[in-house]
Amino acid sequence: MYPAERQAAIIALAQGGTGEISVAAASVALEVTAETIRRDLVVLERQGVIRRQHGGARLVQSTPFEIALAQRRLENAPQKHRIAQRVLQELPEDGVVLLDSGALTLVIASVFPEDRRLIVVTNNLPAVRLLSRKPLLTVLALPGRVRSVSQGAVDEWTRARISQLNVDVAFVGGNGLTAEAGLTTTIPDEAEVKRAMMLSGRRRVLAMTSSKIGQNSFCHVADANEFDLIITDDGIDPRQARKLSAAGPELAIV
């Protein structure tokens, strides 16, 4: 079990009871050592999801958005980690990269290398906390209204700031992708921010789990051929893979 899966399972155990979880109970339920659970509780406390107490932890009821995001990281966790590892191959040795908001990009942030002097621009507030602990990275948080669901800044302030940038690589996500409709997402503000992100990149990379490919969401972001590379997992429908490849971008399946 990946750490993100285990941490989401700890949250689920607490939510299924009184809002509290003991180290001993989580250790038995998840079949890992007590020390592993304690390390997970430290991570969750840093994210603001729980508060540690003697023998365990309790949920912080004032931050349901953090819990929701942690649970989303649980979905397709092995696929997200494979995609994140492939994304690392696209990082320059130095330069500027832009990272979108979302559960997958948060996983990507968690595996960023610590040995490169990169500037990382992002609207992903949970990712800011993770990346700022890596001393060689310079992390720039974009301004704007923060959506509670994604904890990403998405409004005209965000879009205006991005429109002034030129980055080496832009890593973008979304809610749906087909060869016909392109990349789509749920609300107009988010669509405009994602499009500005994509346009800011000299190299444009779309990272997305296969569960979203073949789906259409509400707002159009970009055509498939506006990306240089699409990274997804091996659960992609072969017909969708053929259509996307024919549309123009390189398709990396992991």
C-alpha atoms as a PDB file:
ATOM      1  CA  MET A   1       0.000   0.000   0.000  1.00  0.00           C
ATOM      2  CA  TYR A   2       1.327   3.427  -0.980  1.00  0.00           C
ATOM      3  CA  PRO A   3       1.669   6.066   1.775  1.00  0.00           C
ATOM      4  CA  ALA A   4      -1.136   8.167   0.241  1.00  0.00           C
ATOM      5  CA  GLU A   5      -3.433   5.122   0.211  1.00  0.00           C
ATOM      6  CA  ARG A   6      -2.579   4.290   3.816  1.00  0.00           C
ATOM      7  CA  GLN A   7      -3.091   7.872   4.973  1.00  0.00           C
ATOM      8  CA  ALA A   8      -6.481   8.055   3.261  1.00  0.00           C
ATOM      9  CA  ALA A   9      -7.388   4.723   4.896  1.00  0.00           C
ATOM     10  CA  ILE A  10      -6.466   6.157   8.312  1.00  0.00           C
ATOM     11  CA  ILE A  11      -8.810   9.086   7.663  1.00  0.00           C
ATOM     12  CA  ALA A  12     -11.575   6.698   6.573  1.00  0.00           C
ATOM     13  CA  LEU A  13     -11.144   4.668   9.781  1.00  0.00           C
ATOM     14  CA  ALA A  14     -11.489   7.825  11.873  1.00  0.00           C
ATOM     15  CA  GLN A  15     -14.513   9.040   9.894  1.00  0.00           C
ATOM     16  CA  GLY A  16     -16.175   5.653  10.296  1.00  0.00           C
ATOM     17  CA  GLY A  17     -16.046   5.953  14.076  1.00  0.00           C
ATOM     18  CA  THR A  18     -15.955   8.827  16.525  1.00  0.00           C
ATOM     19  CA  GLY A  19     -13.502  10.959  14.600  1.00  0.00           C
ATOM     20  CA  GLU A  20     -10.586   9.513  16.544  1.00  0.00           C
ATOM     21  CA  ILE A  21      -8.157   6.718  15.679  1.00  0.00           C
ATOM     22  CA  SER A  22      -5.579   4.970  17.828  1.00  0.00           C
ATOM     23  CA  VAL A  23      -2.154   3.960  16.582  1.00  0.00           C
ATOM     24  CA  ALA A  24      -2.796   0.415  17.774  1.00  0.00           C
ATOM     25  CA  ALA A  25      -6.150   0.088  15.969  1.00  0.00           C
ATOM     26  CA  ALA A  26      -4.810   1.541  12.710  1.00  0.00           C
ATOM     27  CA  SER A  27      -1.753  -0.714  12.895  1.00  0.00           C
ATOM     28  CA  VAL A  28      -3.941  -3.817  13.201  1.00  0.00           C
ATOM     29  CA  ALA A  29      -6.469  -2.702  10.569  1.00  0.00           C
ATOM     30  CA  LEU A  30      -3.850  -1.803   7.960  1.00  0.00           C
ATOM     31  CA  GLU A  31      -1.372  -4.551   8.894  1.00  0.00           C
ATOM     32  CA  VAL A  32       1.612  -2.239   9.297  1.00  0.00           C
ATOM     33  CA  THR A  33       3.819  -1.345  12.240  1.00  0.00           C
ATOM     34  CA  ALA A  34       2.881   1.221  14.836  1.00  0.00           C
ATOM     35  CA  GLU A  35       5.894   3.291  13.801  1.00  0.00           C
ATOM     36  CA  THR A  36       4.591   3.450  10.216  1.00  0.00           C
ATOM     37  CA  ILE A  37       1.226   4.718  11.491  1.00  0.00           C
ATOM     38  CA  ARG A  38       2.956   7.346  13.645  1.00  0.00           C
ATOM     39  CA  ARG A  39       4.864   8.615  10.585  1.00  0.00           C
ATOM     40  CA  ASP A  40       1.592   8.798   8.634  1.00  0.00           C
ATOM     41  CA  LEU A  41      -0.030  10.771  11.450  1.00  0.00           C
ATOM     42  CA  VAL A  42       2.832  13.272  11.338  1.00  0.00           C
ATOM     43  CA  VAL A  43       2.209  13.777   7.593  1.00  0.00           C
ATOM     44  CA  LEU A  44      -1.551  14.162   8.068  1.00  0.00           C
ATOM     45  CA  GLU A  45      -1.047  16.640  10.890  1.00  0.00           C
ATOM     46  CA  ARG A  46       1.213  18.753   8.682  1.00  0.00           C
ATOM     47  CA  GLN A  47      -1.580  18.784   6.088  1.00  0.00           C
ATOM     48  CA  GLY A  48      -4.000  20.015   8.749  1.00  0.00           C
ATOM     49  CA  VAL A  49      -6.248  16.953   8.506  1.00  0.00           C
ATOM     50  CA  ILE A  50      -5.737  15.590  12.046  1.00  0.00           C
ATOM     51  CA  ARG A  51      -4.329  16.579  15.422  1.00  0.00           C
ATOM     52  CA  ARG A  52      -2.149  14.034  17.157  1.00  0.00           C
ATOM     53  CA  GLN A  53      -2.941  13.118  20.737  1.00  0.00           C
ATOM     54  CA  HIS A  54      -1.721  10.520  23.188  1.00  0.00           C
ATOM     55  CA  GLY A  55      -1.929   7.100  21.518  1.00  0.00           C
ATOM     56  CA  GLY A  56      -3.404   8.324  18.245  1.00  0.00           C
ATOM     57  CA  ALA A  57      -5.116  11.279  16.598  1.00  0.00           C
ATOM     58  CA  ARG A  58      -8.446  12.999  16.007  1.00  0.00           C
ATOM     59  CA  LEU A  59      -9.869  14.611  12.868  1.00  0.00           C
ATOM     60  CA  VAL A  60      -9.846  18.377  12.537  1.00  0.00           C
ATOM     61  CA  GLN A  61     -13.485  19.080  11.771  1.00  0.00           C
ATOM     62  CA  SER A  62     -12.831  22.601  10.499  1.00  0.00           C
ATOM     63  CA  THR A  63     -10.955  21.424   7.396  1.00  0.00           C
ATOM     64  CA  PRO A  64     -13.233  19.057   5.430  1.00  0.00           C
ATOM     65  CA  PHE A  65     -11.625  20.128   2.148  1.00  0.00           C
ATOM     66  CA  GLU A  66      -8.326  18.563   3.260  1.00  0.00           C
ATOM     67  CA  ILE A  67     -10.081  15.313   4.052  1.00  0.00           C
ATOM     68  CA  ALA A  68     -11.797  15.309   0.679  1.00  0.00           C
ATOM     69  CA  LEU A  69      -8.499  15.903  -1.104  1.00  0.00           C
ATOM     70  CA  ALA A  70      -6.777  13.126   0.839  1.00  0.00           C
ATOM     71  CA  GLN A  71      -9.575  10.741  -0.114  1.00  0.00           C
ATOM     72  CA  ARG A  72      -9.250  11.728  -3.776  1.00  0.00           C
ATOM     73  CA  ARG A  73      -5.566  10.862  -3.610  1.00  0.00           C
ATOM     74  CA  LEU A  74      -6.654   7.336  -2.658  1.00  0.00           C
ATOM     75  CA  GLU A  75      -8.544   6.839  -5.917  1.00  0.00           C
ATOM     76  CA  ASN A  76      -6.352   5.112  -8.536  1.00  0.00           C
ATOM     77  CA  ALA A  77      -3.344   5.659  -6.242  1.00  0.00           C
ATOM     78  CA  PRO A  78      -1.000   3.119  -7.942  1.00  0.00           C
ATOM     79  CA  GLN A  79      -1.763   4.658 -11.354  1.00  0.00           C
ATOM     80  CA  LYS A  80      -1.174   8.169 -10.032  1.00  0.00           C
ATOM     81  CA  HIS A  81       2.197   7.197  -8.618  1.00  0.00           C
ATOM     82  CA  ARG A  82       3.279   5.636 -11.922  1.00  0.00           C
ATOM     83  CA  ILE A  83       2.187   8.747 -13.797  1.00  0.00           C
ATOM     84  CA  ALA A  84       4.019  10.946 -11.280  1.00  0.00           C
ATOM     85  CA  GLN A  85       7.238   8.982 -11.762  1.00  0.00           C
ATOM     86  CA  ARG A  86       6.933   9.407 -15.545  1.00  0.00           C
ATOM     87  CA  VAL A  87       6.311  13.137 -15.108  1.00  0.00           C
ATOM     88  CA  LEU A  88       9.665  13.423 -13.322  1.00  0.00           C
ATOM     89  CA  GLN A  89      11.372  12.494 -16.597  1.00  0.00           C
ATOM     90  CA  GLU A  90      10.001  15.721 -18.099  1.00  0.00           C
ATOM     91  CA  LEU A  91      11.549  18.006 -15.478  1.00  0.00           C
ATOM     92  CA  PRO A  92      14.475  20.121 -16.709  1.00  0.00           C
ATOM     93  CA  GLU A  93      17.775  20.084 -14.829  1.00  0.00           C
ATOM     94  CA  ASP A  94      17.120  23.726 -14.027  1.00  0.00           C
ATOM     95  CA  GLY A  95      14.561  26.295 -15.110  1.00  0.00           C
ATOM     96  CA  VAL A  96      10.917  27.077 -14.422  1.00  0.00           C
ATOM     97  CA  VAL A  97       7.990  24.663 -14.317  1.00  0.00           C
ATOM     98  CA  LEU A  98       4.304  25.272 -13.708  1.00  0.00           C
ATOM     99  CA  LEU A  99       2.149  22.804 -11.780  1.00  0.00           C
ATOM    100  CA  ASP A 100      -1.655  22.714 -11.921  1.00  0.00           C
ATOM    101  CA  SER A 101      -4.006  22.030  -8.993  1.00  0.00           C
ATOM    102  CA  GLY A 102      -5.622  18.652  -8.306  1.00  0.00           C
ATOM    103  CA  ALA A 103      -5.102  15.302  -6.603  1.00  0.00           C
ATOM    104  CA  LEU A 104      -2.755  13.884  -9.259  1.00  0.00           C
ATOM    105  CA  THR A 105      -0.566  16.988  -9.342  1.00  0.00           C
ATOM    106  CA  LEU A 106      -0.387  16.826  -5.539  1.00  0.00           C
ATOM    107  CA  VAL A 107       1.041  13.308  -5.886  1.00  0.00           C
ATOM    108  CA  ILE A 108       3.493  14.681  -8.462  1.00  0.00           C
ATOM    109  CA  ALA A 109       4.560  17.381  -5.993  1.00  0.00           C
ATOM    110  CA  SER A 110       5.161  14.726  -3.327  1.00  0.00           C
ATOM    111  CA  VAL A 111       7.807  12.984  -5.487  1.00  0.00           C
ATOM    112  CA  PHE A 112       9.594  16.091  -6.787  1.00  0.00           C
ATOM    113  CA  PRO A 113      13.383  15.654  -6.587  1.00  0.00           C
ATOM    114  CA  GLU A 114      15.345  17.500  -3.928  1.00  0.00           C
ATOM    115  CA  ASP A 115      18.566  17.830  -5.949  1.00  0.00           C
ATOM    116  CA  ARG A 116      17.489  20.339  -8.643  1.00  0.00           C
ATOM    117  CA  ARG A 117      17.387  24.118  -8.504  1.00  0.00           C
ATOM    118  CA  LEU A 118      13.986  24.594 -10.089  1.00  0.00           C
ATOM    119  CA  ILE A 119      11.491  27.408  -9.830  1.00  0.00           C
ATOM    120  CA  VAL A 120       8.022  25.894  -9.377  1.00  0.00           C
ATOM    121  CA  VAL A 121       4.986  28.091 -10.020  1.00  0.00           C
ATOM    122  CA  THR A 122       1.685  26.622  -8.842  1.00  0.00           C
ATOM    123  CA  ASN A 123      -1.888  27.427  -7.849  1.00  0.00           C
ATOM    124  CA  ASN A 124      -1.982  24.166  -5.850  1.00  0.00           C
ATOM    125  CA  LEU A 125      -1.869  25.248  -2.186  1.00  0.00           C
ATOM    126  CA  PRO A 126      -1.317  21.774  -0.660  1.00  0.00           C
ATOM    127  CA  ALA A 127       1.529  21.301  -3.152  1.00  0.00           C
ATOM    128  CA  VAL A 128       3.081  24.596  -2.003  1.00  0.00           C
ATOM    129  CA  ARG A 129       3.417  23.146   1.496  1.00  0.00           C
ATOM    130  CA  LEU A 130       5.056  19.960   0.187  1.00  0.00           C
ATOM    131  CA  LEU A 131       7.406  21.660  -2.261  1.00  0.00           C
ATOM    132  CA  SER A 132       8.511  24.424   0.113  1.00  0.00           C
ATOM    133  CA  ARG A 133      10.201  21.790   2.315  1.00  0.00           C
ATOM    134  CA  LYS A 134      12.680  21.009  -0.491  1.00  0.00           C
ATOM    135  CA  PRO A 135      15.487  23.548   0.049  1.00  0.00           C
ATOM    136  CA  LEU A 136      16.759  23.799  -3.547  1.00  0.00           C
ATOM    137  CA  LEU A 137      13.328  24.598  -4.974  1.00  0.00           C
ATOM    138  CA  THR A 138      11.998  28.138  -5.268  1.00  0.00           C
ATOM    139  CA  VAL A 139       8.214  27.901  -4.920  1.00  0.00           C
ATOM    140  CA  LEU A 140       5.925  30.674  -6.179  1.00  0.00           C
ATOM    141  CA  ALA A 141       2.256  30.486  -5.151  1.00  0.00           C
ATOM    142  CA  LEU A 142      -0.213  32.034  -7.583  1.00  0.00           C
ATOM    143  CA  PRO A 143      -2.832  34.476  -6.231  1.00  0.00           C
ATOM    144  CA  GLY A 144      -6.595  34.216  -6.531  1.00  0.00           C
ATOM    145  CA  ARG A 145      -9.795  32.762  -5.094  1.00  0.00           C
ATOM    146  CA  VAL A 146      -9.213  29.274  -3.707  1.00  0.00           C
ATOM    147  CA  ARG A 147     -11.724  26.533  -4.533  1.00  0.00           C
ATOM    148  CA  SER A 148     -12.547  24.413  -1.499  1.00  0.00           C
ATOM    149  CA  VAL A 149     -12.767  21.198  -3.551  1.00  0.00           C
ATOM    150  CA  SER A 150      -9.340  21.360  -5.176  1.00  0.00           C
ATOM    151  CA  GLN A 151      -7.561  23.884  -2.916  1.00  0.00           C
ATOM    152  CA  GLY A 152      -6.441  25.557  -6.136  1.00  0.00           C
ATOM    153  CA  ALA A 153      -6.479  29.289  -6.896  1.00  0.00           C
ATOM    154  CA  VAL A 154      -8.748  29.865  -9.914  1.00  0.00           C
ATOM    155  CA  ASP A 155      -9.993  33.329 -10.858  1.00  0.00           C
ATOM    156  CA  GLU A 156      -9.073  36.333 -12.979  1.00  0.00           C
ATOM    157  CA  TRP A 157      -6.160  37.265 -10.683  1.00  0.00           C
ATOM    158  CA  THR A 158      -4.725  33.790 -11.201  1.00  0.00           C
ATOM    159  CA  ARG A 159      -5.201  33.859 -14.961  1.00  0.00           C
ATOM    160  CA  ALA A 160      -3.781  37.373 -15.312  1.00  0.00           C
ATOM    161  CA  ARG A 161      -0.607  36.466 -13.415  1.00  0.00           C
ATOM    162  CA  ILE A 162      -0.081  33.276 -15.452  1.00  0.00           C
ATOM    163  CA  SER A 163      -0.555  35.191 -18.729  1.00  0.00           C
ATOM    164  CA  GLN A 164       2.611  37.143 -17.917  1.00  0.00           C
ATOM    165  CA  LEU A 165       4.738  34.008 -17.548  1.00  0.00           C
ATOM    166  CA  ASN A 166       6.868  31.915 -19.890  1.00  0.00           C
ATOM    167  CA  VAL A 167       7.848  28.590 -18.314  1.00  0.00           C
ATOM    168  CA  ASP A 168       9.955  25.704 -19.556  1.00  0.00           C
ATOM    169  CA  VAL A 169       7.324  23.033 -18.870  1.00  0.00           C
ATOM    170  CA  ALA A 170       3.650  23.376 -17.922  1.00  0.00           C
ATOM    171  CA  PHE A 171       2.068  20.344 -16.229  1.00  0.00           C
ATOM    172  CA  VAL A 172      -1.717  20.501 -16.538  1.00  0.00           C
ATOM    173  CA  GLY A 173      -4.570  18.227 -15.430  1.00  0.00           C
ATOM    174  CA  GLY A 174      -8.306  18.104 -16.053  1.00  0.00           C
ATOM    175  CA  ASN A 175     -11.592  16.288 -15.587  1.00  0.00           C
ATOM    176  CA  GLY A 176     -12.092  14.774 -19.027  1.00  0.00           C
ATOM    177  CA  LEU A 177     -10.288  14.150 -22.304  1.00  0.00           C
ATOM    178  CA  THR A 178     -11.321  12.924 -25.734  1.00  0.00           C
ATOM    179  CA  ALA A 179      -9.747  13.372 -29.151  1.00  0.00           C
ATOM    180  CA  GLU A 180     -12.921  15.078 -30.337  1.00  0.00           C
ATOM    181  CA  ALA A 181     -13.666  17.481 -27.452  1.00  0.00           C
ATOM    182  CA  GLY A 182     -10.133  17.871 -26.120  1.00  0.00           C
ATOM    183  CA  LEU A 183      -9.395  18.614 -22.474  1.00  0.00           C
ATOM    184  CA  THR A 184     -12.388  19.658 -20.371  1.00  0.00           C
ATOM    185  CA  THR A 185     -13.035  20.689 -16.770  1.00  0.00           C
ATOM    186  CA  THR A 186     -15.921  21.575 -14.493  1.00  0.00           C
ATOM    187  CA  ILE A 187     -16.192  25.387 -14.244  1.00  0.00           C
ATOM    188  CA  PRO A 188     -15.338  28.341 -16.537  1.00  0.00           C
ATOM    189  CA  ASP A 189     -12.835  29.977 -14.147  1.00  0.00           C
ATOM    190  CA  GLU A 190     -10.859  26.769 -13.846  1.00  0.00           C
ATOM    191  CA  ALA A 191     -10.946  26.227 -17.616  1.00  0.00           C
ATOM    192  CA  GLU A 192      -9.510  29.698 -18.226  1.00  0.00           C
ATOM    193  CA  VAL A 193      -6.736  29.182 -15.672  1.00  0.00           C
ATOM    194  CA  LYS A 194      -5.802  25.789 -17.107  1.00  0.00           C
ATOM    195  CA  ARG A 195      -5.698  27.209 -20.629  1.00  0.00           C
ATOM    196  CA  ALA A 196      -3.456  30.067 -19.494  1.00  0.00           C
ATOM    197  CA  MET A 197      -1.180  27.504 -17.824  1.00  0.00           C
ATOM    198  CA  MET A 198      -0.924  25.450 -20.983  1.00  0.00           C
ATOM    199  CA  LEU A 199      -0.204  28.482 -23.159  1.00  0.00           C
ATOM    200  CA  SER A 200       2.567  29.633 -20.798  1.00  0.00           C
ATOM    201  CA  GLY A 201       4.616  26.486 -21.386  1.00  0.00           C
ATOM    202  CA  ARG A 202       7.269  26.055 -24.052  1.00  0.00           C
ATOM    203  CA  ARG A 203       6.583  22.354 -23.483  1.00  0.00           C
ATOM    204  CA  ARG A 204       3.040  21.368 -22.583  1.00  0.00           C
ATOM    205  CA  VAL A 205       2.372  18.154 -20.665  1.00  0.00           C
ATOM    206  CA  LEU A 206      -1.051  16.777 -19.743  1.00  0.00           C
ATOM    207  CA  ALA A 207      -1.068  14.243 -16.889  1.00  0.00           C
ATOM    208  CA  MET A 208      -4.294  12.309 -16.356  1.00  0.00           C
ATOM    209  CA  THR A 209      -5.466   8.901 -15.141  1.00  0.00           C
ATOM    210  CA  SER A 210      -7.119   6.694 -17.748  1.00  0.00           C
ATOM    211  CA  SER A 211     -10.414   6.808 -15.824  1.00  0.00           C
ATOM    212  CA  LYS A 212     -10.925  10.372 -17.128  1.00  0.00           C
ATOM    213  CA  ILE A 213     -10.061   9.622 -20.748  1.00  0.00           C
ATOM    214  CA  GLY A 214     -13.134   9.131 -22.895  1.00  0.00           C
ATOM    215  CA  GLN A 215     -15.094  11.450 -20.562  1.00  0.00           C
ATOM    216  CA  ASN A 216     -16.315  14.983 -21.290  1.00  0.00           C
ATOM    217  CA  SER A 217     -16.782  17.642 -18.627  1.00  0.00           C
ATOM    218  CA  PHE A 218     -18.546  21.005 -18.840  1.00  0.00           C
ATOM    219  CA  CYS A 219     -15.931  23.516 -20.048  1.00  0.00           C
ATOM    220  CA  HIS A 220     -13.421  23.221 -22.879  1.00  0.00           C
ATOM    221  CA  VAL A 221      -9.776  23.913 -21.995  1.00  0.00           C
ATOM    222  CA  ALA A 222      -7.729  22.926 -25.039  1.00  0.00           C
ATOM    223  CA  ASP A 223      -7.659  20.620 -28.030  1.00  0.00           C
ATOM    224  CA  ALA A 224      -5.625  17.445 -27.623  1.00  0.00           C
ATOM    225  CA  ASN A 225      -3.149  18.535 -30.305  1.00  0.00           C
ATOM    226  CA  GLU A 226      -2.213  21.629 -28.295  1.00  0.00           C
ATOM    227  CA  PHE A 227      -0.239  19.404 -25.924  1.00  0.00           C
ATOM    228  CA  ASP A 228       3.215  18.036 -26.670  1.00  0.00           C
ATOM    229  CA  LEU A 229       2.799  15.014 -24.398  1.00  0.00           C
ATOM    230  CA  ILE A 230      -0.057  13.188 -22.660  1.00  0.00           C
ATOM    231  CA  ILE A 231       0.888  10.875 -19.780  1.00  0.00           C
ATOM    232  CA  THR A 232      -1.631   8.308 -18.570  1.00  0.00           C
ATOM    233  CA  ASP A 233      -1.810   4.779 -17.177  1.00  0.00           C
ATOM    234  CA  ASP A 234      -2.218   1.440 -18.914  1.00  0.00           C
ATOM    235  CA  GLY A 235      -5.938   1.263 -18.147  1.00  0.00           C
ATOM    236  CA  ILE A 236      -6.652   3.498 -21.142  1.00  0.00           C
ATOM    237  CA  ASP A 237      -9.112   2.129 -23.693  1.00  0.00           C
ATOM    238  CA  PRO A 238      -7.072   1.133 -26.793  1.00  0.00           C
ATOM    239  CA  ARG A 239      -9.538   2.958 -29.052  1.00  0.00           C
ATOM    240  CA  GLN A 240      -9.084   6.179 -27.080  1.00  0.00           C
ATOM    241  CA  ALA A 241      -5.311   5.730 -27.196  1.00  0.00           C
ATOM    242  CA  ARG A 242      -5.366   5.367 -30.992  1.00  0.00           C
ATOM    243  CA  LYS A 243      -7.572   8.447 -31.399  1.00  0.00           C
ATOM    244  CA  LEU A 244      -5.391  10.592 -29.149  1.00  0.00           C
ATOM    245  CA  SER A 245      -2.192   9.486 -30.876  1.00  0.00           C
ATOM    246  CA  ALA A 246      -3.751  10.278 -34.262  1.00  0.00           C
ATOM    247  CA  ALA A 247      -4.662  13.745 -32.981  1.00  0.00           C
ATOM    248  CA  GLY A 248      -0.986  14.638 -32.781  1.00  0.00           C
ATOM    249  CA  PRO A 249       0.505  14.621 -29.266  1.00  0.00           C
ATOM    250  CA  GLU A 250       2.968  12.036 -28.024  1.00  0.00           C
ATOM    251  CA  LEU A 251       1.185   9.534 -25.762  1.00  0.00           C
ATOM    252  CA  ALA A 252       3.109   7.955 -22.863  1.00  0.00           C
ATOM    253  CA  ILE A 253       1.348   5.007 -21.199  1.00  0.00           C
ATOM    254  CA  VAL A 254       2.713   3.753 -17.883  1.00  0.00           C
END
